[in-house]
């Protein structure tokens, strides 16, 4: 026989409304002993709340949000970026008594949209969308149905959607400007080149700073175009850096953390020293490793902070129709920190 909320209330020695408040995380006037009694009763009776039915019956929020990753589940663990932001959201959600679901979405499929729209009326209060593509603005469908959402990332030529993002364009502009001040005329740019909105925003930053300071575009050398860095293994990356250093075209580099180990190994093999023979700025992808004692010139990642802000902005929209009507456009600044890996161009 199915266990009901009445059975739980009887076992815990409380009213049904108190059990309902517990299930819906309304703890404000509830003592720790009462919460423990209800928790024990639910465990002993193996009671599982029907969140969907309860939400519809009580017209309450489910206190559950969904993180949408428009890519294959396996690829989200290619780096520590997603574990970092997932952990950040998990921690802030726990403080707010929210649950988190993850939905990977490869490609553009009608059944995905139907499913996401369906669970938003029964199980999900709102969505945080990662890994945007300007060719797949599926979150527009959420707007037409008044479903709360926030995107993590800025599509450079689109503003009329809800987003929280790091200002990658300004970060690239500041990095190039600083290296130029050190008389580095030709600057190598080696990152995980792909079709992501981050890559396209960085590309725009290169165009803007070159136009502003009248830098010939050929002086910003995009090595990732030639070497297909994203899919390269360590041996390929090492060979790539050896070719770059032997070419001696660039005297400074803007890199991401993922390509740095092979860069330093190749420099050692080529007899080069940092920053005596070349300079580099590290664009951190997710966070600085606590094991990394190098005082780098770097752009510090604020991915964790962006994820936390995205959650709070979504929560506002979930709980307020007025907030839902407002457009959320938040760009978090990224700061260039000067360290020991950049110096005046030794060849100037």
C-alpha atoms as a PDB file:
ATOM      1  CA  UNK A   1       0.000   0.000   0.000  1.00  0.00           C
ATOM      2  CA  UNK A   2       1.300   3.463  -0.943  1.00  0.00           C
ATOM      3  CA  UNK A   3       2.642   5.561   1.933  1.00  0.00           C
ATOM      4  CA  UNK A   4       0.905   8.940   2.212  1.00  0.00           C
ATOM      5  CA  UNK A   5       1.719  12.260   3.821  1.00  0.00           C
ATOM      6  CA  UNK A   6      -0.771  11.353   6.573  1.00  0.00           C
ATOM      7  CA  UNK A   7       1.299   8.267   7.434  1.00  0.00           C
ATOM      8  CA  UNK A   8       4.422  10.397   7.721  1.00  0.00           C
ATOM      9  CA  UNK A   9       2.644  12.949   9.917  1.00  0.00           C
ATOM     10  CA  UNK A  10       1.349  10.189  12.206  1.00  0.00           C
ATOM     11  CA  UNK A  11       4.772   8.564  12.555  1.00  0.00           C
ATOM     12  CA  UNK A  12       6.500  11.922  13.207  1.00  0.00           C
ATOM     13  CA  UNK A  13       3.798  13.145  15.617  1.00  0.00           C
ATOM     14  CA  UNK A  14       3.081  16.323  13.678  1.00  0.00           C
ATOM     15  CA  UNK A  15       0.321  17.682  11.464  1.00  0.00           C
ATOM     16  CA  UNK A  16       0.037  17.063   7.720  1.00  0.00           C
ATOM     17  CA  UNK A  17       0.584  20.763   7.074  1.00  0.00           C
ATOM     18  CA  UNK A  18       3.883  20.607   8.982  1.00  0.00           C
ATOM     19  CA  UNK A  19       5.044  17.696   6.832  1.00  0.00           C
ATOM     20  CA  UNK A  20       3.975  19.637   3.723  1.00  0.00           C
ATOM     21  CA  UNK A  21       5.976  22.654   4.890  1.00  0.00           C
ATOM     22  CA  UNK A  22       9.005  20.408   5.410  1.00  0.00           C
ATOM     23  CA  UNK A  23       8.736  18.861   1.952  1.00  0.00           C
ATOM     24  CA  UNK A  24       8.466  22.334   0.401  1.00  0.00           C
ATOM     25  CA  UNK A  25      11.462  23.630   2.391  1.00  0.00           C
ATOM     26  CA  UNK A  26       9.399  26.087   4.430  1.00  0.00           C
ATOM     27  CA  UNK A  27      11.476  25.756   7.590  1.00  0.00           C
ATOM     28  CA  UNK A  28      11.162  29.268   9.023  1.00  0.00           C
ATOM     29  CA  UNK A  29       9.065  28.328  12.076  1.00  0.00           C
ATOM     30  CA  UNK A  30      10.190  24.710  12.341  1.00  0.00           C
ATOM     31  CA  UNK A  31      12.479  23.465  15.097  1.00  0.00           C
ATOM     32  CA  UNK A  32      15.435  21.218  14.386  1.00  0.00           C
ATOM     33  CA  UNK A  33      13.818  18.401  16.378  1.00  0.00           C
ATOM     34  CA  UNK A  34      10.656  18.592  14.248  1.00  0.00           C
ATOM     35  CA  UNK A  35      12.666  18.513  11.025  1.00  0.00           C
ATOM     36  CA  UNK A  36      14.607  15.516  12.299  1.00  0.00           C
ATOM     37  CA  UNK A  37      11.418  13.690  13.301  1.00  0.00           C
ATOM     38  CA  UNK A  38       9.890  14.192   9.846  1.00  0.00           C
ATOM     39  CA  UNK A  39      13.120  13.178   8.120  1.00  0.00           C
ATOM     40  CA  UNK A  40      13.304   9.996  10.219  1.00  0.00           C
ATOM     41  CA  UNK A  41       9.649   9.170   9.522  1.00  0.00           C
ATOM     42  CA  UNK A  42      10.069   9.619   5.772  1.00  0.00           C
ATOM     43  CA  UNK A  43      13.132   7.390   5.774  1.00  0.00           C
ATOM     44  CA  UNK A  44      11.575   4.678   7.918  1.00  0.00           C
ATOM     45  CA  UNK A  45       8.379   4.596   5.837  1.00  0.00           C
ATOM     46  CA  UNK A  46      10.358   4.946   2.564  1.00  0.00           C
ATOM     47  CA  UNK A  47       8.124   7.858   1.623  1.00  0.00           C
ATOM     48  CA  UNK A  48       8.988   9.600  -1.659  1.00  0.00           C
ATOM     49  CA  UNK A  49       7.184  12.925  -2.274  1.00  0.00           C
ATOM     50  CA  UNK A  50       5.480  13.348  -5.625  1.00  0.00           C
ATOM     51  CA  UNK A  51       7.009  16.747  -6.363  1.00  0.00           C
ATOM     52  CA  UNK A  52       5.121  17.272  -9.594  1.00  0.00           C
ATOM     53  CA  UNK A  53       1.691  16.450  -8.164  1.00  0.00           C
ATOM     54  CA  UNK A  54       2.345  18.475  -5.035  1.00  0.00           C
ATOM     55  CA  UNK A  55       3.431  21.497  -7.004  1.00  0.00           C
ATOM     56  CA  UNK A  56       0.306  21.439  -9.178  1.00  0.00           C
ATOM     57  CA  UNK A  57      -2.019  20.862  -6.232  1.00  0.00           C
ATOM     58  CA  UNK A  58      -0.527  23.538  -3.992  1.00  0.00           C
ATOM     59  CA  UNK A  59       0.473  25.982  -6.752  1.00  0.00           C
ATOM     60  CA  UNK A  60       3.929  26.125  -5.201  1.00  0.00           C
ATOM     61  CA  UNK A  61       7.415  26.242  -6.672  1.00  0.00           C
ATOM     62  CA  UNK A  62       9.278  22.978  -7.004  1.00  0.00           C
ATOM     63  CA  UNK A  63      12.528  24.648  -5.867  1.00  0.00           C
ATOM     64  CA  UNK A  64      14.259  22.728  -8.635  1.00  0.00           C
ATOM     65  CA  UNK A  65      16.239  24.277 -11.483  1.00  0.00           C
ATOM     66  CA  UNK A  66      17.741  22.633 -14.544  1.00  0.00           C
ATOM     67  CA  UNK A  67      21.201  23.274 -16.012  1.00  0.00           C
ATOM     68  CA  UNK A  68      21.136  22.809 -19.795  1.00  0.00           C
ATOM     69  CA  UNK A  69      24.383  21.799 -21.497  1.00  0.00           C
ATOM     70  CA  UNK A  70      23.918  21.790 -25.286  1.00  0.00           C
ATOM     71  CA  UNK A  71      26.552  19.133 -25.907  1.00  0.00           C
ATOM     72  CA  UNK A  72      27.324  15.464 -25.301  1.00  0.00           C
ATOM     73  CA  UNK A  73      27.545  14.541 -21.603  1.00  0.00           C
ATOM     74  CA  UNK A  74      31.045  13.079 -21.988  1.00  0.00           C
ATOM     75  CA  UNK A  75      32.532  16.335 -23.333  1.00  0.00           C
ATOM     76  CA  UNK A  76      31.533  18.411 -20.335  1.00  0.00           C
ATOM     77  CA  UNK A  77      34.339  16.769 -18.369  1.00  0.00           C
ATOM     78  CA  UNK A  78      37.027  17.570 -20.951  1.00  0.00           C
ATOM     79  CA  UNK A  79      38.226  20.271 -18.559  1.00  0.00           C
ATOM     80  CA  UNK A  80      37.605  21.419 -14.998  1.00  0.00           C
ATOM     81  CA  UNK A  81      35.382  24.291 -16.116  1.00  0.00           C
ATOM     82  CA  UNK A  82      32.056  22.506 -15.740  1.00  0.00           C
ATOM     83  CA  UNK A  83      32.921  20.731 -12.459  1.00  0.00           C
ATOM     84  CA  UNK A  84      33.945  24.158 -11.126  1.00  0.00           C
ATOM     85  CA  UNK A  85      30.734  25.960 -12.099  1.00  0.00           C
ATOM     86  CA  UNK A  86      28.511  23.007 -11.193  1.00  0.00           C
ATOM     87  CA  UNK A  87      30.026  22.948  -7.709  1.00  0.00           C
ATOM     88  CA  UNK A  88      29.518  26.713  -7.335  1.00  0.00           C
ATOM     89  CA  UNK A  89      25.832  26.443  -8.266  1.00  0.00           C
ATOM     90  CA  UNK A  90      25.380  23.375  -6.100  1.00  0.00           C
ATOM     91  CA  UNK A  91      26.674  25.217  -3.030  1.00  0.00           C
ATOM     92  CA  UNK A  92      24.559  28.356  -3.491  1.00  0.00           C
ATOM     93  CA  UNK A  93      21.511  26.223  -4.364  1.00  0.00           C
ATOM     94  CA  UNK A  94      21.902  24.200  -1.167  1.00  0.00           C
ATOM     95  CA  UNK A  95      21.864  27.411   0.883  1.00  0.00           C
ATOM     96  CA  UNK A  96      18.605  28.401  -0.815  1.00  0.00           C
ATOM     97  CA  UNK A  97      17.141  24.873  -0.464  1.00  0.00           C
ATOM     98  CA  UNK A  98      17.031  24.295  -4.224  1.00  0.00           C
ATOM     99  CA  UNK A  99      17.624  21.067  -6.118  1.00  0.00           C
ATOM    100  CA  UNK A 100      19.651  20.854  -9.330  1.00  0.00           C
ATOM    101  CA  UNK A 101      19.041  18.733 -12.431  1.00  0.00           C
ATOM    102  CA  UNK A 102      21.381  18.449 -15.432  1.00  0.00           C
ATOM    103  CA  UNK A 103      20.141  18.104 -19.021  1.00  0.00           C
ATOM    104  CA  UNK A 104      22.641  17.508 -21.866  1.00  0.00           C
ATOM    105  CA  UNK A 105      21.290  18.391 -25.310  1.00  0.00           C
ATOM    106  CA  UNK A 106      23.239  17.402 -28.414  1.00  0.00           C
ATOM    107  CA  UNK A 107      22.027  19.162 -31.529  1.00  0.00           C
ATOM    108  CA  UNK A 108      18.634  20.758 -32.137  1.00  0.00           C
ATOM    109  CA  UNK A 109      15.750  18.357 -31.690  1.00  0.00           C
ATOM    110  CA  UNK A 110      12.040  19.074 -31.354  1.00  0.00           C
ATOM    111  CA  UNK A 111      11.602  16.377 -28.724  1.00  0.00           C
ATOM    112  CA  UNK A 112      14.136  18.180 -26.498  1.00  0.00           C
ATOM    113  CA  UNK A 113      12.103  21.383 -26.655  1.00  0.00           C
ATOM    114  CA  UNK A 114       8.852  19.549 -25.942  1.00  0.00           C
ATOM    115  CA  UNK A 115      10.388  17.797 -22.975  1.00  0.00           C
ATOM    116  CA  UNK A 116      11.935  20.950 -21.501  1.00  0.00           C
ATOM    117  CA  UNK A 117       8.696  22.882 -21.903  1.00  0.00           C
ATOM    118  CA  UNK A 118       6.773  20.014 -20.359  1.00  0.00           C
ATOM    119  CA  UNK A 119       8.845  19.644 -17.204  1.00  0.00           C
ATOM    120  CA  UNK A 120       8.801  23.408 -16.680  1.00  0.00           C
ATOM    121  CA  UNK A 121       5.068  23.137 -15.967  1.00  0.00           C
ATOM    122  CA  UNK A 122       5.401  20.226 -13.575  1.00  0.00           C
ATOM    123  CA  UNK A 123       8.887  19.843 -12.156  1.00  0.00           C
ATOM    124  CA  UNK A 124      11.287  22.685 -13.068  1.00  0.00           C
ATOM    125  CA  UNK A 125      11.066  26.313 -11.928  1.00  0.00           C
ATOM    126  CA  UNK A 126      13.627  27.638 -14.423  1.00  0.00           C
ATOM    127  CA  UNK A 127      16.718  27.000 -16.523  1.00  0.00           C
ATOM    128  CA  UNK A 128      20.372  28.042 -16.642  1.00  0.00           C
ATOM    129  CA  UNK A 129      21.735  27.576 -20.165  1.00  0.00           C
ATOM    130  CA  UNK A 130      25.460  26.960 -20.753  1.00  0.00           C
ATOM    131  CA  UNK A 131      27.626  26.629 -23.853  1.00  0.00           C
ATOM    132  CA  UNK A 132      25.612  28.902 -26.108  1.00  0.00           C
ATOM    133  CA  UNK A 133      25.617  28.893 -29.881  1.00  0.00           C
ATOM    134  CA  UNK A 134      24.346  31.791 -31.936  1.00  0.00           C
ATOM    135  CA  UNK A 135      22.925  29.209 -34.355  1.00  0.00           C
ATOM    136  CA  UNK A 136      20.801  27.625 -31.637  1.00  0.00           C
ATOM    137  CA  UNK A 137      18.839  30.254 -29.711  1.00  0.00           C
ATOM    138  CA  UNK A 138      16.402  27.686 -28.327  1.00  0.00           C
ATOM    139  CA  UNK A 139      15.953  29.711 -25.145  1.00  0.00           C
ATOM    140  CA  UNK A 140      13.723  32.049 -27.188  1.00  0.00           C
ATOM    141  CA  UNK A 141      11.045  29.407 -26.747  1.00  0.00           C
ATOM    142  CA  UNK A 142      11.276  29.865 -22.975  1.00  0.00           C
ATOM    143  CA  UNK A 143      10.527  33.570 -23.370  1.00  0.00           C
ATOM    144  CA  UNK A 144       7.428  32.938 -25.482  1.00  0.00           C
ATOM    145  CA  UNK A 145       6.094  30.641 -22.759  1.00  0.00           C
ATOM    146  CA  UNK A 146       7.123  32.886 -19.836  1.00  0.00           C
ATOM    147  CA  UNK A 147       9.548  30.279 -18.487  1.00  0.00           C
ATOM    148  CA  UNK A 148      12.335  31.784 -16.322  1.00  0.00           C
ATOM    149  CA  UNK A 149      15.844  31.332 -17.744  1.00  0.00           C
ATOM    150  CA  UNK A 150      19.343  32.790 -17.610  1.00  0.00           C
ATOM    151  CA  UNK A 151      22.129  32.116 -20.113  1.00  0.00           C
ATOM    152  CA  UNK A 152      25.772  31.906 -19.065  1.00  0.00           C
ATOM    153  CA  UNK A 153      27.675  33.593 -21.879  1.00  0.00           C
ATOM    154  CA  UNK A 154      27.422  36.600 -24.171  1.00  0.00           C
ATOM    155  CA  UNK A 155      26.728  36.278 -27.878  1.00  0.00           C
ATOM    156  CA  UNK A 156      28.578  39.322 -29.176  1.00  0.00           C
ATOM    157  CA  UNK A 157      25.995  40.457 -31.721  1.00  0.00           C
ATOM    158  CA  UNK A 158      22.885  39.634 -29.648  1.00  0.00           C
ATOM    159  CA  UNK A 159      21.709  41.613 -26.602  1.00  0.00           C
ATOM    160  CA  UNK A 160      17.986  40.949 -26.298  1.00  0.00           C
ATOM    161  CA  UNK A 161      18.155  37.888 -24.055  1.00  0.00           C
ATOM    162  CA  UNK A 162      18.919  37.157 -20.389  1.00  0.00           C
ATOM    163  CA  UNK A 163      22.602  36.550 -19.727  1.00  0.00           C
ATOM    164  CA  UNK A 164      25.390  36.712 -17.176  1.00  0.00           C
ATOM    165  CA  UNK A 165      28.878  36.533 -18.678  1.00  0.00           C
ATOM    166  CA  UNK A 166      32.539  37.366 -18.217  1.00  0.00           C
ATOM    167  CA  UNK A 167      33.796  40.246 -20.338  1.00  0.00           C
ATOM    168  CA  UNK A 168      36.165  38.227 -22.541  1.00  0.00           C
ATOM    169  CA  UNK A 169      36.348  40.932 -25.197  1.00  0.00           C
ATOM    170  CA  UNK A 170      37.805  43.502 -22.780  1.00  0.00           C
ATOM    171  CA  UNK A 171      40.201  40.878 -21.376  1.00  0.00           C
ATOM    172  CA  UNK A 172      41.719  40.255 -24.801  1.00  0.00           C
ATOM    173  CA  UNK A 173      41.900  43.980 -25.566  1.00  0.00           C
ATOM    174  CA  UNK A 174      43.683  44.685 -22.264  1.00  0.00           C
ATOM    175  CA  UNK A 175      46.118  41.796 -22.815  1.00  0.00           C
ATOM    176  CA  UNK A 176      47.125  42.922 -26.308  1.00  0.00           C
ATOM    177  CA  UNK A 177      47.400  46.560 -25.221  1.00  0.00           C
ATOM    178  CA  UNK A 178      49.696  45.625 -22.323  1.00  0.00           C
ATOM    179  CA  UNK A 179      51.978  43.469 -24.467  1.00  0.00           C
ATOM    180  CA  UNK A 180      52.208  46.276 -27.013  1.00  0.00           C
ATOM    181  CA  UNK A 181      53.282  48.636 -24.236  1.00  0.00           C
ATOM    182  CA  UNK A 182      56.167  46.218 -23.618  1.00  0.00           C
ATOM    183  CA  UNK A 183      57.149  46.655 -27.296  1.00  0.00           C
ATOM    184  CA  UNK A 184      55.997  43.219 -28.396  1.00  0.00           C
ATOM    185  CA  UNK A 185      55.052  43.890 -32.004  1.00  0.00           C
ATOM    186  CA  UNK A 186      53.964  40.386 -32.992  1.00  0.00           C
ATOM    187  CA  UNK A 187      51.791  38.514 -30.518  1.00  0.00           C
ATOM    188  CA  UNK A 188      50.862  34.839 -30.754  1.00  0.00           C
ATOM    189  CA  UNK A 189      47.331  33.846 -29.709  1.00  0.00           C
ATOM    190  CA  UNK A 190      46.965  30.159 -28.786  1.00  0.00           C
ATOM    191  CA  UNK A 191      43.712  29.095 -27.156  1.00  0.00           C
ATOM    192  CA  UNK A 192      41.110  26.367 -27.496  1.00  0.00           C
ATOM    193  CA  UNK A 193      39.716  27.655 -30.774  1.00  0.00           C
ATOM    194  CA  UNK A 194      36.161  26.509 -31.436  1.00  0.00           C
ATOM    195  CA  UNK A 195      32.797  27.930 -32.439  1.00  0.00           C
ATOM    196  CA  UNK A 196      31.824  28.943 -28.901  1.00  0.00           C
ATOM    197  CA  UNK A 197      30.534  32.416 -28.124  1.00  0.00           C
ATOM    198  CA  UNK A 198      33.653  33.009 -26.000  1.00  0.00           C
ATOM    199  CA  UNK A 199      35.932  32.435 -28.986  1.00  0.00           C
ATOM    200  CA  UNK A 200      33.876  34.745 -31.176  1.00  0.00           C
ATOM    201  CA  UNK A 201      33.815  37.480 -28.528  1.00  0.00           C
ATOM    202  CA  UNK A 202      37.599  37.198 -28.195  1.00  0.00           C
ATOM    203  CA  UNK A 203      37.924  37.478 -31.970  1.00  0.00           C
ATOM    204  CA  UNK A 204      35.893  40.672 -31.814  1.00  0.00           C
ATOM    205  CA  UNK A 205      38.236  41.975 -29.123  1.00  0.00           C
ATOM    206  CA  UNK A 206      41.209  41.416 -31.428  1.00  0.00           C
ATOM    207  CA  UNK A 207      39.491  43.298 -34.247  1.00  0.00           C
ATOM    208  CA  UNK A 208      38.520  46.189 -31.950  1.00  0.00           C
ATOM    209  CA  UNK A 209      41.957  46.702 -30.416  1.00  0.00           C
ATOM    210  CA  UNK A 210      43.703  46.383 -33.796  1.00  0.00           C
ATOM    211  CA  UNK A 211      41.380  49.014 -35.224  1.00  0.00           C
ATOM    212  CA  UNK A 212      41.749  51.318 -32.204  1.00  0.00           C
ATOM    213  CA  UNK A 213      45.550  51.181 -32.090  1.00  0.00           C
ATOM    214  CA  UNK A 214      46.107  50.689 -35.820  1.00  0.00           C
ATOM    215  CA  UNK A 215      47.771  47.341 -35.349  1.00  0.00           C
ATOM    216  CA  UNK A 216      48.099  45.277 -38.544  1.00  0.00           C
ATOM    217  CA  UNK A 217      45.908  42.196 -38.127  1.00  0.00           C
ATOM    218  CA  UNK A 218      48.760  39.981 -39.306  1.00  0.00           C
ATOM    219  CA  UNK A 219      50.675  41.022 -36.164  1.00  0.00           C
ATOM    220  CA  UNK A 220      48.205  39.013 -34.051  1.00  0.00           C
ATOM    221  CA  UNK A 221      49.043  35.464 -35.081  1.00  0.00           C
ATOM    222  CA  UNK A 222      46.274  32.911 -34.533  1.00  0.00           C
ATOM    223  CA  UNK A 223      48.199  29.656 -34.216  1.00  0.00           C
ATOM    224  CA  UNK A 224      45.076  27.740 -33.186  1.00  0.00           C
ATOM    225  CA  UNK A 225      43.708  28.089 -36.739  1.00  0.00           C
ATOM    226  CA  UNK A 226      46.682  26.170 -38.083  1.00  0.00           C
ATOM    227  CA  UNK A 227      47.106  23.522 -35.415  1.00  0.00           C
ATOM    228  CA  UNK A 228      43.504  22.660 -34.389  1.00  0.00           C
ATOM    229  CA  UNK A 229      44.424  23.013 -30.739  1.00  0.00           C
ATOM    230  CA  UNK A 230      41.133  21.805 -29.271  1.00  0.00           C
ATOM    231  CA  UNK A 231      41.607  18.215 -30.431  1.00  0.00           C
ATOM    232  CA  UNK A 232      45.376  18.068 -30.001  1.00  0.00           C
ATOM    233  CA  UNK A 233      47.043  15.595 -27.633  1.00  0.00           C
ATOM    234  CA  UNK A 234      50.115  16.470 -25.563  1.00  0.00           C
ATOM    235  CA  UNK A 235      52.571  15.208 -28.193  1.00  0.00           C
ATOM    236  CA  UNK A 236      50.936  17.321 -30.896  1.00  0.00           C
ATOM    237  CA  UNK A 237      50.898  20.396 -28.637  1.00  0.00           C
ATOM    238  CA  UNK A 238      54.573  19.918 -27.799  1.00  0.00           C
ATOM    239  CA  UNK A 239      55.469  19.657 -31.499  1.00  0.00           C
ATOM    240  CA  UNK A 240      53.335  22.739 -32.217  1.00  0.00           C
ATOM    241  CA  UNK A 241      55.183  24.853 -29.634  1.00  0.00           C
ATOM    242  CA  UNK A 242      58.582  23.671 -30.873  1.00  0.00           C
ATOM    243  CA  UNK A 243      57.615  24.818 -34.381  1.00  0.00           C
ATOM    244  CA  UNK A 244      56.358  28.169 -33.034  1.00  0.00           C
ATOM    245  CA  UNK A 245      59.538  28.845 -31.042  1.00  0.00           C
ATOM    246  CA  UNK A 246      61.833  27.797 -33.907  1.00  0.00           C
ATOM    247  CA  UNK A 247      59.914  30.117 -36.226  1.00  0.00           C
ATOM    248  CA  UNK A 248      60.716  33.059 -33.882  1.00  0.00           C
ATOM    249  CA  UNK A 249      57.905  35.191 -35.312  1.00  0.00           C
ATOM    250  CA  UNK A 250      56.119  36.152 -32.102  1.00  0.00           C
ATOM    251  CA  UNK A 251      57.880  37.490 -29.017  1.00  0.00           C
ATOM    252  CA  UNK A 252      54.843  37.228 -26.726  1.00  0.00           C
ATOM    253  CA  UNK A 253      51.862  34.910 -26.423  1.00  0.00           C
ATOM    254  CA  UNK A 254      48.332  34.949 -25.090  1.00  0.00           C
ATOM    255  CA  UNK A 255      47.435  31.414 -24.037  1.00  0.00           C
ATOM    256  CA  UNK A 256      44.889  29.431 -22.048  1.00  0.00           C
ATOM    257  CA  UNK A 257      45.826  27.209 -19.119  1.00  0.00           C
ATOM    258  CA  UNK A 258      45.234  24.032 -21.113  1.00  0.00           C
ATOM    259  CA  UNK A 259      48.128  24.709 -23.537  1.00  0.00           C
ATOM    260  CA  UNK A 260      50.580  26.114 -20.987  1.00  0.00           C
ATOM    261  CA  UNK A 261      52.295  22.872 -19.753  1.00  0.00           C
ATOM    262  CA  UNK A 262      53.383  21.874 -23.266  1.00  0.00           C
ATOM    263  CA  UNK A 263      54.470  25.445 -24.005  1.00  0.00           C
ATOM    264  CA  UNK A 264      56.835  25.464 -21.013  1.00  0.00           C
ATOM    265  CA  UNK A 265      58.173  21.996 -21.836  1.00  0.00           C
ATOM    266  CA  UNK A 266      58.837  23.013 -25.439  1.00  0.00           C
ATOM    267  CA  UNK A 267      60.551  26.218 -24.268  1.00  0.00           C
ATOM    268  CA  UNK A 268      62.834  24.168 -22.028  1.00  0.00           C
ATOM    269  CA  UNK A 269      63.717  21.830 -24.906  1.00  0.00           C
ATOM    270  CA  UNK A 270      64.459  24.836 -27.120  1.00  0.00           C
ATOM    271  CA  UNK A 271      66.634  26.474 -24.443  1.00  0.00           C
ATOM    272  CA  UNK A 272      64.263  29.411 -23.936  1.00  0.00           C
ATOM    273  CA  UNK A 273      63.447  31.163 -20.661  1.00  0.00           C
ATOM    274  CA  UNK A 274      60.393  33.105 -19.446  1.00  0.00           C
ATOM    275  CA  UNK A 275      60.328  36.094 -19.606  1.00  0.00           C
ATOM    276  CA  UNK A 276      63.908  36.552 -20.872  1.00  0.00           C
ATOM    277  CA  UNK A 277      63.283  35.111 -24.332  1.00  0.00           C
ATOM    278  CA  UNK A 278      59.513  35.573 -24.637  1.00  0.00           C
ATOM    279  CA  UNK A 279      56.540  36.736 -22.559  1.00  0.00           C
ATOM    280  CA  UNK A 280      53.139  35.211 -22.010  1.00  0.00           C
ATOM    281  CA  UNK A 281      49.756  36.053 -20.511  1.00  0.00           C
ATOM    282  CA  UNK A 282      47.649  33.177 -19.232  1.00  0.00           C
ATOM    283  CA  UNK A 283      43.877  33.501 -19.812  1.00  0.00           C
ATOM    284  CA  UNK A 284      42.563  31.269 -17.065  1.00  0.00           C
ATOM    285  CA  UNK A 285      39.686  29.085 -18.179  1.00  0.00           C
ATOM    286  CA  UNK A 286      38.114  28.145 -14.853  1.00  0.00           C
ATOM    287  CA  UNK A 287      40.390  28.931 -11.889  1.00  0.00           C
ATOM    288  CA  UNK A 288      44.018  29.076 -10.887  1.00  0.00           C
ATOM    289  CA  UNK A 289      45.455  25.791  -9.639  1.00  0.00           C
ATOM    290  CA  UNK A 290      46.479  25.968  -5.954  1.00  0.00           C
ATOM    291  CA  UNK A 291      49.558  23.904  -6.927  1.00  0.00           C
ATOM    292  CA  UNK A 292      50.726  26.544  -9.396  1.00  0.00           C
ATOM    293  CA  UNK A 293      53.250  28.746  -7.608  1.00  0.00           C
ATOM    294  CA  UNK A 294      54.202  30.716 -10.725  1.00  0.00           C
ATOM    295  CA  UNK A 295      53.371  34.390 -10.377  1.00  0.00           C
ATOM    296  CA  UNK A 296      51.961  34.726 -13.888  1.00  0.00           C
ATOM    297  CA  UNK A 297      50.737  37.695 -15.790  1.00  0.00           C
ATOM    298  CA  UNK A 298      47.216  36.450 -16.147  1.00  0.00           C
ATOM    299  CA  UNK A 299      43.551  37.176 -16.607  1.00  0.00           C
ATOM    300  CA  UNK A 300      41.880  35.547 -13.648  1.00  0.00           C
ATOM    301  CA  UNK A 301      38.789  33.464 -14.362  1.00  0.00           C
ATOM    302  CA  UNK A 302      35.549  34.487 -12.658  1.00  0.00           C
ATOM    303  CA  UNK A 303      33.592  31.469 -13.893  1.00  0.00           C
ATOM    304  CA  UNK A 304      32.588  30.523 -10.369  1.00  0.00           C
ATOM    305  CA  UNK A 305      31.237  34.008  -9.637  1.00  0.00           C
ATOM    306  CA  UNK A 306      29.366  34.135 -12.959  1.00  0.00           C
ATOM    307  CA  UNK A 307      27.665  30.822 -12.140  1.00  0.00           C
ATOM    308  CA  UNK A 308      26.636  32.037  -8.674  1.00  0.00           C
ATOM    309  CA  UNK A 309      25.219  35.301 -10.043  1.00  0.00           C
ATOM    310  CA  UNK A 310      23.370  33.409 -12.773  1.00  0.00           C
ATOM    311  CA  UNK A 311      21.663  31.274 -10.125  1.00  0.00           C
ATOM    312  CA  UNK A 312      20.609  34.296  -8.060  1.00  0.00           C
ATOM    313  CA  UNK A 313      19.301  36.144 -11.116  1.00  0.00           C
ATOM    314  CA  UNK A 314      17.276  33.092 -12.115  1.00  0.00           C
ATOM    315  CA  UNK A 315      15.871  32.814  -8.600  1.00  0.00           C
ATOM    316  CA  UNK A 316      14.662  36.423  -8.827  1.00  0.00           C
ATOM    317  CA  UNK A 317      12.833  35.666 -12.055  1.00  0.00           C
ATOM    318  CA  UNK A 318      11.301  32.507 -10.625  1.00  0.00           C
ATOM    319  CA  UNK A 319       9.862  34.362  -7.660  1.00  0.00           C
ATOM    320  CA  UNK A 320       8.771  37.594  -9.332  1.00  0.00           C
ATOM    321  CA  UNK A 321       6.709  38.178 -12.444  1.00  0.00           C
ATOM    322  CA  UNK A 322       8.081  41.731 -12.602  1.00  0.00           C
ATOM    323  CA  UNK A 323      11.679  40.463 -12.569  1.00  0.00           C
ATOM    324  CA  UNK A 324      10.765  38.006 -15.293  1.00  0.00           C
ATOM    325  CA  UNK A 325       9.701  40.885 -17.537  1.00  0.00           C
ATOM    326  CA  UNK A 326      13.017  42.683 -17.070  1.00  0.00           C
ATOM    327  CA  UNK A 327      15.969  42.021 -19.359  1.00  0.00           C
ATOM    328  CA  UNK A 328      19.013  40.751 -17.463  1.00  0.00           C
ATOM    329  CA  UNK A 329      22.313  41.764 -19.109  1.00  0.00           C
ATOM    330  CA  UNK A 330      25.276  41.398 -16.735  1.00  0.00           C
ATOM    331  CA  UNK A 331      28.918  41.521 -17.862  1.00  0.00           C
ATOM    332  CA  UNK A 332      31.436  40.641 -15.160  1.00  0.00           C
ATOM    333  CA  UNK A 333      34.803  42.409 -15.698  1.00  0.00           C
ATOM    334  CA  UNK A 334      37.984  40.326 -16.035  1.00  0.00           C
ATOM    335  CA  UNK A 335      41.156  41.919 -14.721  1.00  0.00           C
ATOM    336  CA  UNK A 336      44.699  41.667 -16.009  1.00  0.00           C
ATOM    337  CA  UNK A 337      47.124  40.933 -13.166  1.00  0.00           C
ATOM    338  CA  UNK A 338      50.788  41.687 -13.857  1.00  0.00           C
ATOM    339  CA  UNK A 339      53.206  38.930 -12.845  1.00  0.00           C
ATOM    340  CA  UNK A 340      56.660  37.564 -13.637  1.00  0.00           C
ATOM    341  CA  UNK A 341      55.959  36.076 -17.077  1.00  0.00           C
ATOM    342  CA  UNK A 342      56.013  39.318 -19.079  1.00  0.00           C
ATOM    343  CA  UNK A 343      58.823  41.791 -19.748  1.00  0.00           C
ATOM    344  CA  UNK A 344      60.031  44.287 -22.350  1.00  0.00           C
ATOM    345  CA  UNK A 345      60.621  42.637 -25.699  1.00  0.00           C
ATOM    346  CA  UNK A 346      64.275  41.472 -25.589  1.00  0.00           C
ATOM    347  CA  UNK A 347      64.450  41.821 -29.378  1.00  0.00           C
ATOM    348  CA  UNK A 348      63.080  45.361 -29.509  1.00  0.00           C
END
